[in-house]
PDB file of N, CA and C in Angstrom:
ATOM      1  N   GLU A   1       3.253  16.165 -16.338  1.00  0.00           N
ATOM      2  CA  GLU A   1       4.546  16.834 -16.348  1.00  0.00           C
ATOM      3  C   GLU A   1       5.116  16.990 -14.951  1.00  0.00           C
ATOM      4  N   ARG A   2       4.296  16.803 -13.918  1.00  0.00           N
ATOM      5  CA  ARG A   2       4.791  16.891 -12.544  1.00  0.00           C
ATOM      6  C   ARG A   2       4.873  15.525 -11.888  1.00  0.00           C
ATOM      7  N   GLY A   3       4.773  14.487 -12.692  1.00  0.00           N
ATOM      8  CA  GLY A   3       4.818  13.148 -12.131  1.00  0.00           C
ATOM      9  C   GLY A   3       3.447  12.694 -11.675  1.00  0.00           C
ATOM     10  N   MET A   4       3.435  11.723 -10.788  1.00  0.00           N
ATOM     11  CA  MET A   4       2.172  11.141 -10.320  1.00  0.00           C
ATOM     12  C   MET A   4       1.714  11.877  -9.067  1.00  0.00           C
ATOM     13  N   HIS A   5       1.069  13.007  -9.273  1.00  0.00           N
ATOM     14  CA  HIS A   5       0.504  13.760  -8.154  1.00  0.00           C
ATOM     15  C   HIS A   5      -0.939  13.298  -7.947  1.00  0.00           C
ATOM     16  N   VAL A   6      -1.740  14.040  -7.217  1.00  0.00           N
ATOM     17  CA  VAL A   6      -3.072  13.597  -6.807  1.00  0.00           C
ATOM     18  C   VAL A   6      -3.951  13.191  -7.993  1.00  0.00           C
ATOM     19  N   ARG A   7      -4.074  14.024  -8.986  1.00  0.00           N
ATOM     20  CA  ARG A   7      -4.997  13.741 -10.089  1.00  0.00           C
ATOM     21  C   ARG A   7      -4.628  12.468 -10.851  1.00  0.00           C
ATOM     22  N   PRO A   8      -3.382  12.296 -11.315  1.00  0.00           N
ATOM     23  CA  PRO A   8      -3.077  11.049 -12.025  1.00  0.00           C
ATOM     24  C   PRO A   8      -3.125   9.809 -11.136  1.00  0.00           C
ATOM     25  N   CYS A   9      -2.751   9.943  -9.874  1.00  0.00           N
ATOM     26  CA  CYS A   9      -2.838   8.787  -8.970  1.00  0.00           C
ATOM     27  C   CYS A   9      -4.285   8.371  -8.774  1.00  0.00           C
ATOM     28  N   THR A  10      -5.168   9.341  -8.631  1.00  0.00           N
ATOM     29  CA  THR A  10      -6.591   9.050  -8.460  1.00  0.00           C
ATOM     30  C   THR A  10      -7.163   8.426  -9.724  1.00  0.00           C
ATOM     31  N   ALA A  11      -6.779   8.948 -10.890  1.00  0.00           N
ATOM     32  CA  ALA A  11      -7.253   8.386 -12.155  1.00  0.00           C
ATOM     33  C   ALA A  11      -6.767   6.953 -12.327  1.00  0.00           C
ATOM     34  N   PHE A  12      -5.511   6.705 -12.001  1.00  0.00           N
ATOM     35  CA  PHE A  12      -4.938   5.362 -12.123  1.00  0.00           C
ATOM     36  C   PHE A  12      -5.678   4.397 -11.198  1.00  0.00           C
ATOM     37  N   ALA A  13      -5.817   4.760  -9.927  1.00  0.00           N
ATOM     38  CA  ALA A  13      -6.466   3.880  -8.956  1.00  0.00           C
ATOM     39  C   ALA A  13      -7.932   3.646  -9.314  1.00  0.00           C
ATOM     40  N   SER A  14      -8.599   4.682  -9.768  1.00  0.00           N
ATOM     41  CA  SER A  14     -10.002   4.555 -10.157  1.00  0.00           C
ATOM     42  C   SER A  14     -10.161   3.560 -11.302  1.00  0.00           C
ATOM     43  N   LEU A  15      -9.314   3.673 -12.300  1.00  0.00           N
ATOM     44  CA  LEU A  15      -9.345   2.743 -13.423  1.00  0.00           C
ATOM     45  C   LEU A  15      -8.942   1.343 -12.963  1.00  0.00           C
ATOM     46  N   ALA A  16      -7.926   1.232 -12.155  1.00  0.00           N
ATOM     47  CA  ALA A  16      -7.456  -0.071 -11.676  1.00  0.00           C
ATOM     48  C   ALA A  16      -8.551  -0.809 -10.908  1.00  0.00           C
ATOM     49  N   ASN A  17      -9.378  -0.071 -10.188  1.00  0.00           N
ATOM     50  CA  ASN A  17     -10.442  -0.690  -9.393  1.00  0.00           C
ATOM     51  C   ASN A  17     -11.568  -1.256 -10.243  1.00  0.00           C
ATOM     52  N   ARG A  18     -11.572  -0.996 -11.524  1.00  0.00           N
ATOM     53  CA  ARG A  18     -12.582  -1.580 -12.414  1.00  0.00           C
ATOM     54  C   ARG A  18     -12.268  -3.035 -12.758  1.00  0.00           C
ATOM     55  N   PHE A  19     -11.076  -3.470 -12.402  1.00  0.00           N
ATOM     56  CA  PHE A  19     -10.629  -4.809 -12.766  1.00  0.00           C
ATOM     57  C   PHE A  19     -10.521  -5.689 -11.529  1.00  0.00           C
ATOM     58  N   ASN A  20     -10.682  -6.995 -11.741  1.00  0.00           N
ATOM     59  CA  ASN A  20     -10.621  -7.951 -10.633  1.00  0.00           C
ATOM     60  C   ASN A  20      -9.199  -8.357 -10.281  1.00  0.00           C
ATOM     61  N   CYS A  21      -8.275  -8.221 -11.206  1.00  0.00           N
ATOM     62  CA  CYS A  21      -6.908  -8.677 -10.981  1.00  0.00           C
ATOM     63  C   CYS A  21      -6.180  -7.789  -9.962  1.00  0.00           C
ATOM     64  N   ASP A  22      -5.103  -8.323  -9.411  1.00  0.00           N
ATOM     65  CA  ASP A  22      -4.236  -7.545  -8.525  1.00  0.00           C
ATOM     66  C   ASP A  22      -3.356  -6.654  -9.395  1.00  0.00           C
ATOM     67  N   ILE A  23      -3.185  -5.408  -8.983  1.00  0.00           N
ATOM     68  CA  ILE A  23      -2.393  -4.450  -9.758  1.00  0.00           C
ATOM     69  C   ILE A  23      -1.393  -3.783  -8.827  1.00  0.00           C
ATOM     70  N   PHE A  24      -0.130  -3.792  -9.266  1.00  0.00           N
ATOM     71  CA  PHE A  24       0.946  -3.181  -8.498  1.00  0.00           C
ATOM     72  C   PHE A  24       1.779  -2.294  -9.410  1.00  0.00           C
ATOM     73  N   VAL A  25       2.387  -1.269  -8.822  1.00  0.00           N
ATOM     74  CA  VAL A  25       3.321  -0.398  -9.526  1.00  0.00           C
ATOM     75  C   VAL A  25       4.668  -0.526  -8.837  1.00  0.00           C
ATOM     76  N   LEU A  26       5.697  -0.835  -9.612  1.00  0.00           N
ATOM     77  CA  LEU A  26       7.055  -0.931  -9.088  1.00  0.00           C
ATOM     78  C   LEU A  26       7.796   0.356  -9.422  1.00  0.00           C
ATOM     79  N   HIS A  27       8.452   0.918  -8.411  1.00  0.00           N
ATOM     80  CA  HIS A  27       9.191   2.176  -8.583  1.00  0.00           C
ATOM     81  C   HIS A  27      10.375   2.175  -7.636  1.00  0.00           C
ATOM     82  N   HIS A  28      11.569   2.315  -8.177  1.00  0.00           N
ATOM     83  CA  HIS A  28      12.809   2.345  -7.388  1.00  0.00           C
ATOM     84  C   HIS A  28      12.912   1.170  -6.427  1.00  0.00           C
ATOM     85  N   GLY A  29      12.527  -0.018  -6.899  1.00  0.00           N
ATOM     86  CA  GLY A  29      12.664  -1.224  -6.096  1.00  0.00           C
ATOM     87  C   GLY A  29      11.558  -1.464  -5.089  1.00  0.00           C
ATOM     88  N   ASP A  30      10.608  -0.562  -4.995  1.00  0.00           N
ATOM     89  CA  ASP A  30       9.490  -0.733  -4.068  1.00  0.00           C
ATOM     90  C   ASP A  30       8.227  -1.069  -4.845  1.00  0.00           C
ATOM     91  N   ARG A  31       7.300  -1.746  -4.190  1.00  0.00           N
ATOM     92  CA  ARG A  31       6.048  -2.163  -4.816  1.00  0.00           C
ATOM     93  C   ARG A  31       4.881  -1.464  -4.132  1.00  0.00           C
ATOM     94  N   PHE A  32       4.012  -0.862  -4.945  1.00  0.00           N
ATOM     95  CA  PHE A  32       2.881  -0.091  -4.439  1.00  0.00           C
ATOM     96  C   PHE A  32       1.581  -0.643  -4.995  1.00  0.00           C
ATOM     97  N   ARG A  33       0.554  -0.674  -4.164  1.00  0.00           N
ATOM     98  CA  ARG A  33      -0.758  -1.150  -4.604  1.00  0.00           C
ATOM     99  C   ARG A  33      -1.339  -0.149  -5.603  1.00  0.00           C
ATOM    100  N   GLY A  34      -1.726  -0.643  -6.763  1.00  0.00           N
ATOM    101  CA  GLY A  34      -2.220   0.221  -7.824  1.00  0.00           C
ATOM    102  C   GLY A  34      -3.670   0.634  -7.684  1.00  0.00           C
ATOM    103  N   LYS A  35      -4.377   0.027  -6.744  1.00  0.00           N
ATOM    104  CA  LYS A  35      -5.797   0.352  -6.575  1.00  0.00           C
ATOM    105  C   LYS A  35      -6.031   1.352  -5.451  1.00  0.00           C
ATOM    106  N   THR A  36      -4.951   1.899  -4.905  1.00  0.00           N
ATOM    107  CA  THR A  36      -5.053   2.838  -3.782  1.00  0.00           C
ATOM    108  C   THR A  36      -4.284   4.111  -4.124  1.00  0.00           C
ATOM    109  N   SER A  37      -5.008   5.202  -4.347  1.00  0.00           N
ATOM    110  CA  SER A  37      -4.342   6.436  -4.770  1.00  0.00           C
ATOM    111  C   SER A  37      -3.352   6.939  -3.729  1.00  0.00           C
ATOM    112  N   MET A  38      -3.666   6.814  -2.453  1.00  0.00           N
ATOM    113  CA  MET A  38      -2.740   7.274  -1.413  1.00  0.00           C
ATOM    114  C   MET A  38      -1.449   6.458  -1.430  1.00  0.00           C
ATOM    115  N   HIS A  39      -1.564   5.179  -1.698  1.00  0.00           N
ATOM    116  CA  HIS A  39      -0.370   4.342  -1.757  1.00  0.00           C
ATOM    117  C   HIS A  39       0.474   4.733  -2.964  1.00  0.00           C
ATOM    118  N   LEU A  40      -0.171   5.013  -4.092  1.00  0.00           N
ATOM    119  CA  LEU A  40       0.555   5.457  -5.276  1.00  0.00           C
ATOM    120  C   LEU A  40       1.249   6.797  -5.037  1.00  0.00           C
ATOM    121  N   MET A  41       0.567   7.715  -4.364  1.00  0.00           N
ATOM    122  CA  MET A  41       1.180   9.025  -4.097  1.00  0.00           C
ATOM    123  C   MET A  41       2.406   8.885  -3.208  1.00  0.00           C
ATOM    124  N   SER A  42       2.413   7.883  -2.337  1.00  0.00           N
ATOM    125  CA  SER A  42       3.562   7.688  -1.449  1.00  0.00           C
ATOM    126  C   SER A  42       4.793   7.205  -2.219  1.00  0.00           C
ATOM    127  N   ALA A  43       4.621   6.810  -3.478  1.00  0.00           N
ATOM    128  CA  ALA A  43       5.750   6.368  -4.297  1.00  0.00           C
ATOM    129  C   ALA A  43       6.604   7.539  -4.772  1.00  0.00           C
ATOM    130  N   TRP A  44       6.058   8.737  -4.746  1.00  0.00           N
ATOM    131  CA  TRP A  44       6.767   9.936  -5.206  1.00  0.00           C
ATOM    132  C   TRP A  44       7.334   9.758  -6.619  1.00  0.00           C
ATOM    133  N   ILE A  45       6.477   9.330  -7.535  1.00  0.00           N
ATOM    134  CA  ILE A  45       6.893   9.114  -8.924  1.00  0.00           C
ATOM    135  C   ILE A  45       6.995  10.471  -9.604  1.00  0.00           C
ATOM    136  N   GLN A  46       8.187  10.778 -10.066  1.00  0.00           N
ATOM    137  CA  GLN A  46       8.457  12.073 -10.692  1.00  0.00           C
ATOM    138  C   GLN A  46       8.476  11.940 -12.216  1.00  0.00           C
ATOM    139  N   GLU A  47       8.399  13.081 -12.879  1.00  0.00           N
ATOM    140  CA  GLU A  47       8.477  13.110 -14.333  1.00  0.00           C
ATOM    141  C   GLU A  47       9.746  12.398 -14.790  1.00  0.00           C
ATOM    142  N   ASP A  48       9.635  11.586 -15.814  1.00  0.00           N
ATOM    143  CA  ASP A  48      10.719  10.816 -16.423  1.00  0.00           C
ATOM    144  C   ASP A  48      11.187   9.624 -15.582  1.00  0.00           C
ATOM    145  N   ASP A  49      10.575   9.375 -14.426  1.00  0.00           N
ATOM    146  CA  ASP A  49      10.879   8.156 -13.678  1.00  0.00           C
ATOM    147  C   ASP A  49      10.309   6.962 -14.437  1.00  0.00           C
ATOM    148  N   GLU A  50      10.986   5.843 -14.331  1.00  0.00           N
ATOM    149  CA  GLU A  50      10.477   4.613 -14.919  1.00  0.00           C
ATOM    150  C   GLU A  50       9.690   3.851 -13.875  1.00  0.00           C
ATOM    151  N   ILE A  51       8.546   3.322 -14.305  1.00  0.00           N
ATOM    152  CA  ILE A  51       7.744   2.463 -13.438  1.00  0.00           C
ATOM    153  C   ILE A  51       7.435   1.180 -14.200  1.00  0.00           C
ATOM    154  N   THR A  52       7.102   0.160 -13.448  1.00  0.00           N
ATOM    155  CA  THR A  52       6.632  -1.091 -14.019  1.00  0.00           C
ATOM    156  C   THR A  52       5.263  -1.365 -13.425  1.00  0.00           C
ATOM    157  N   VAL A  53       4.306  -1.665 -14.280  1.00  0.00           N
ATOM    158  CA  VAL A  53       2.958  -2.013 -13.830  1.00  0.00           C
ATOM    159  C   VAL A  53       2.813  -3.523 -13.940  1.00  0.00           C
ATOM    160  N   GLN A  54       2.382  -4.147 -12.852  1.00  0.00           N
ATOM    161  CA  GLN A  54       2.144  -5.590 -12.835  1.00  0.00           C
ATOM    162  C   GLN A  54       0.670  -5.846 -12.611  1.00  0.00           C
ATOM    163  N   CYS A  55       0.091  -6.699 -13.437  1.00  0.00           N
ATOM    164  CA  CYS A  55      -1.295  -7.104 -13.293  1.00  0.00           C
ATOM    165  C   CYS A  55      -1.320  -8.629 -13.237  1.00  0.00           C
ATOM    166  N   HIS A  56      -1.990  -9.179 -12.220  1.00  0.00           N
ATOM    167  CA  HIS A  56      -2.051 -10.626 -12.041  1.00  0.00           C
ATOM    168  C   HIS A  56      -3.492 -11.029 -11.755  1.00  0.00           C
ATOM    169  N   GLY A  57      -4.075 -11.813 -12.655  1.00  0.00           N
ATOM    170  CA  GLY A  57      -5.428 -12.300 -12.425  1.00  0.00           C
ATOM    171  C   GLY A  57      -6.183 -12.518 -13.722  1.00  0.00           C
ATOM    172  N   THR A  58      -7.458 -12.769 -13.584  1.00  0.00           N
ATOM    173  CA  THR A  58      -8.283 -13.181 -14.723  1.00  0.00           C
ATOM    174  C   THR A  58      -8.383 -12.138 -15.832  1.00  0.00           C
ATOM    175  N   ASP A  59      -8.394 -10.881 -15.492  1.00  0.00           N
ATOM    176  CA  ASP A  59      -8.540  -9.829 -16.511  1.00  0.00           C
ATOM    177  C   ASP A  59      -7.283  -8.968 -16.631  1.00  0.00           C
ATOM    178  N   GLU A  60      -6.134  -9.594 -16.403  1.00  0.00           N
ATOM    179  CA  GLU A  60      -4.867  -8.859 -16.383  1.00  0.00           C
ATOM    180  C   GLU A  60      -4.544  -8.190 -17.720  1.00  0.00           C
ATOM    181  N   LYS A  61      -4.845  -8.840 -18.839  1.00  0.00           N
ATOM    182  CA  LYS A  61      -4.534  -8.245 -20.145  1.00  0.00           C
ATOM    183  C   LYS A  61      -5.352  -6.984 -20.362  1.00  0.00           C
ATOM    184  N   GLU A  62      -6.633  -7.051 -20.068  1.00  0.00           N
ATOM    185  CA  GLU A  62      -7.501  -5.887 -20.231  1.00  0.00           C
ATOM    186  C   GLU A  62      -7.053  -4.744 -19.326  1.00  0.00           C
ATOM    187  N   ALA A  63      -6.673  -5.088 -18.102  1.00  0.00           N
ATOM    188  CA  ALA A  63      -6.207  -4.068 -17.154  1.00  0.00           C
ATOM    189  C   ALA A  63      -4.925  -3.423 -17.650  1.00  0.00           C
ATOM    190  N   MET A  64      -3.990  -4.227 -18.100  1.00  0.00           N
ATOM    191  CA  MET A  64      -2.706  -3.704 -18.577  1.00  0.00           C
ATOM    192  C   MET A  64      -2.916  -2.784 -19.782  1.00  0.00           C
ATOM    193  N   ASP A  65      -3.773  -3.201 -20.703  1.00  0.00           N
ATOM    194  CA  ASP A  65      -4.046  -2.370 -21.881  1.00  0.00           C
ATOM    195  C   ASP A  65      -4.659  -1.024 -21.476  1.00  0.00           C
ATOM    196  N   ALA A  66      -5.652  -1.065 -20.604  1.00  0.00           N
ATOM    197  CA  ALA A  66      -6.336   0.164 -20.190  1.00  0.00           C
ATOM    198  C   ALA A  66      -5.400   1.086 -19.404  1.00  0.00           C
ATOM    199  N   LEU A  67      -4.623   0.521 -18.497  1.00  0.00           N
ATOM    200  CA  LEU A  67      -3.704   1.341 -17.697  1.00  0.00           C
ATOM    201  C   LEU A  67      -2.578   1.893 -18.554  1.00  0.00           C
ATOM    202  N   GLY A  68      -2.126   1.123 -19.526  1.00  0.00           N
ATOM    203  CA  GLY A  68      -1.106   1.613 -20.457  1.00  0.00           C
ATOM    204  C   GLY A  68      -1.604   2.810 -21.250  1.00  0.00           C
ATOM    205  N   GLU A  69      -2.854   2.729 -21.716  1.00  0.00           N
ATOM    206  CA  GLU A  69      -3.446   3.863 -22.436  1.00  0.00           C
ATOM    207  C   GLU A  69      -3.547   5.086 -21.534  1.00  0.00           C
ATOM    208  N   LEU A  70      -3.939   4.875 -20.289  1.00  0.00           N
ATOM    209  CA  LEU A  70      -4.044   5.985 -19.344  1.00  0.00           C
ATOM    210  C   LEU A  70      -2.678   6.643 -19.139  1.00  0.00           C
ATOM    211  N   ILE A  71      -1.664   5.834 -18.903  1.00  0.00           N
ATOM    212  CA  ILE A  71      -0.322   6.376 -18.665  1.00  0.00           C
ATOM    213  C   ILE A  71       0.153   7.171 -19.880  1.00  0.00           C
ATOM    214  N   GLU A  72      -0.078   6.636 -21.066  1.00  0.00           N
ATOM    215  CA  GLU A  72       0.326   7.359 -22.288  1.00  0.00           C
ATOM    216  C   GLU A  72      -0.416   8.681 -22.418  1.00  0.00           C
ATOM    217  N   SER A  73      -1.664   8.726 -22.002  1.00  0.00           N
ATOM    218  CA  SER A  73      -2.429   9.974 -22.116  1.00  0.00           C
ATOM    219  C   SER A  73      -1.956  11.026 -21.112  1.00  0.00           C
ATOM    220  N   LEU A  74      -1.267  10.600 -20.053  1.00  0.00           N
ATOM    221  CA  LEU A  74      -0.767  11.529 -19.038  1.00  0.00           C
ATOM    222  C   LEU A  74       0.554  12.157 -19.435  1.00  0.00           C
ATOM    223  N   GLU A  75       1.230  11.578 -20.440  1.00  0.00           N
ATOM    224  CA  GLU A  75       2.553  12.069 -20.826  1.00  0.00           C
ATOM    225  C   GLU A  75       2.460  13.359 -21.602  1.00  0.00           C
TER     226      GLU A  75
END
């Protein structure tokens, strides 16, 4: 409810690091590394902001599914 603060950013990055693919979060035209919680926190993602998650690599589908579930659980 407060957007992507420390706890959700850490959870996202922790989960993202389980996958081999490259993971990025797009927010307001900027691209942030999804495997680094500090980089995600610098995005200042607020409640109701739209983000796009990009996964590129061998396990991209699995990563996208898992990260999508995580994001839905944070809502």
